[in-house]
């Protein structure tokens, strides 16, 4: 992946993270099933870490 592609992927992941976090907040408020949203956030956090690591390699 190019640096631009990684940056685009990072933006996409951040957007997804914010959306899912908002959904999770709503689920918690209405006492809904939040485990699925929590799992998605954990997955996104791992993906974000991977993309950040790859971007750091470009900067080295």
C-alpha atoms as a PDB file:
ATOM      1  CA  UNK A   1       0.000   0.000   0.000  1.00  0.00           C
ATOM      2  CA  UNK A   2       1.129   3.523  -0.682  1.00  0.00           C
ATOM      3  CA  UNK A   3       1.308   6.138   2.036  1.00  0.00           C
ATOM      4  CA  UNK A   4      -1.782   7.841   0.562  1.00  0.00           C
ATOM      5  CA  UNK A   5      -3.721   4.560   0.612  1.00  0.00           C
ATOM      6  CA  UNK A   6      -2.739   4.003   4.246  1.00  0.00           C
ATOM      7  CA  UNK A   7      -3.840   7.512   5.167  1.00  0.00           C
ATOM      8  CA  UNK A   8      -7.167   6.963   3.388  1.00  0.00           C
ATOM      9  CA  UNK A   9      -7.602   3.640   5.194  1.00  0.00           C
ATOM     10  CA  UNK A  10      -6.820   5.368   8.486  1.00  0.00           C
ATOM     11  CA  UNK A  11      -9.481   8.003   7.833  1.00  0.00           C
ATOM     12  CA  UNK A  12     -12.003   5.282   6.986  1.00  0.00           C
ATOM     13  CA  UNK A  13     -11.206   3.304  10.134  1.00  0.00           C
ATOM     14  CA  UNK A  14     -11.445   6.406  12.313  1.00  0.00           C
ATOM     15  CA  UNK A  15     -14.829   7.240  10.810  1.00  0.00           C
ATOM     16  CA  UNK A  16     -16.069   3.697  11.416  1.00  0.00           C
ATOM     17  CA  UNK A  17     -14.761   3.799  14.975  1.00  0.00           C
ATOM     18  CA  UNK A  18     -16.592   7.033  15.772  1.00  0.00           C
ATOM     19  CA  UNK A  19     -19.818   5.709  14.235  1.00  0.00           C
ATOM     20  CA  UNK A  20     -19.673   2.432  16.151  1.00  0.00           C
ATOM     21  CA  UNK A  21     -18.768   4.227  19.384  1.00  0.00           C
ATOM     22  CA  UNK A  22     -21.861   6.384  18.935  1.00  0.00           C
ATOM     23  CA  UNK A  23     -23.965   3.287  18.276  1.00  0.00           C
ATOM     24  CA  UNK A  24     -22.523   1.667  21.396  1.00  0.00           C
ATOM     25  CA  UNK A  25     -23.384   4.707  23.491  1.00  0.00           C
ATOM     26  CA  UNK A  26     -26.972   4.502  22.249  1.00  0.00           C
ATOM     27  CA  UNK A  27     -27.166   0.764  22.943  1.00  0.00           C
ATOM     28  CA  UNK A  28     -25.879   1.246  26.472  1.00  0.00           C
ATOM     29  CA  UNK A  29     -28.385   4.052  27.038  1.00  0.00           C
ATOM     30  CA  UNK A  30     -31.343   1.872  26.006  1.00  0.00           C
ATOM     31  CA  UNK A  31     -29.837  -1.201  27.676  1.00  0.00           C
ATOM     32  CA  UNK A  32     -29.421  -2.969  24.348  1.00  0.00           C
ATOM     33  CA  UNK A  33     -26.998  -5.723  23.402  1.00  0.00           C
ATOM     34  CA  UNK A  34     -23.678  -3.920  23.230  1.00  0.00           C
ATOM     35  CA  UNK A  35     -21.299  -6.884  22.948  1.00  0.00           C
ATOM     36  CA  UNK A  36     -21.297  -6.883  19.148  1.00  0.00           C
ATOM     37  CA  UNK A  37     -20.403  -3.196  18.992  1.00  0.00           C
ATOM     38  CA  UNK A  38     -17.683  -3.720  21.586  1.00  0.00           C
ATOM     39  CA  UNK A  39     -16.197  -6.546  19.502  1.00  0.00           C
ATOM     40  CA  UNK A  40     -16.220  -4.321  16.425  1.00  0.00           C
ATOM     41  CA  UNK A  41     -14.407  -1.573  18.335  1.00  0.00           C
ATOM     42  CA  UNK A  42     -11.719  -4.017  19.466  1.00  0.00           C
ATOM     43  CA  UNK A  43     -11.255  -5.198  15.873  1.00  0.00           C
ATOM     44  CA  UNK A  44     -11.024  -1.614  14.629  1.00  0.00           C
ATOM     45  CA  UNK A  45      -8.486  -0.747  17.318  1.00  0.00           C
ATOM     46  CA  UNK A  46      -6.262  -3.575  16.080  1.00  0.00           C
ATOM     47  CA  UNK A  47      -6.632  -2.442  12.471  1.00  0.00           C
ATOM     48  CA  UNK A  48      -5.847   1.146  13.456  1.00  0.00           C
ATOM     49  CA  UNK A  49      -2.695   0.001  15.251  1.00  0.00           C
ATOM     50  CA  UNK A  50      -1.577  -1.929  12.159  1.00  0.00           C
ATOM     51  CA  UNK A  51      -2.119   1.035   9.857  1.00  0.00           C
ATOM     52  CA  UNK A  52      -0.301   3.385  12.245  1.00  0.00           C
ATOM     53  CA  UNK A  53       2.615   0.935  12.348  1.00  0.00           C
ATOM     54  CA  UNK A  54       2.782   0.787   8.552  1.00  0.00           C
ATOM     55  CA  UNK A  55       2.682   4.592   8.348  1.00  0.00           C
ATOM     56  CA  UNK A  56       5.555   4.813  10.811  1.00  0.00           C
ATOM     57  CA  UNK A  57       7.592   2.576   8.511  1.00  0.00           C
ATOM     58  CA  UNK A  58       7.127   5.141   5.720  1.00  0.00           C
ATOM     59  CA  UNK A  59       8.420   7.893   7.976  1.00  0.00           C
ATOM     60  CA  UNK A  60      11.559   5.991   9.048  1.00  0.00           C
END
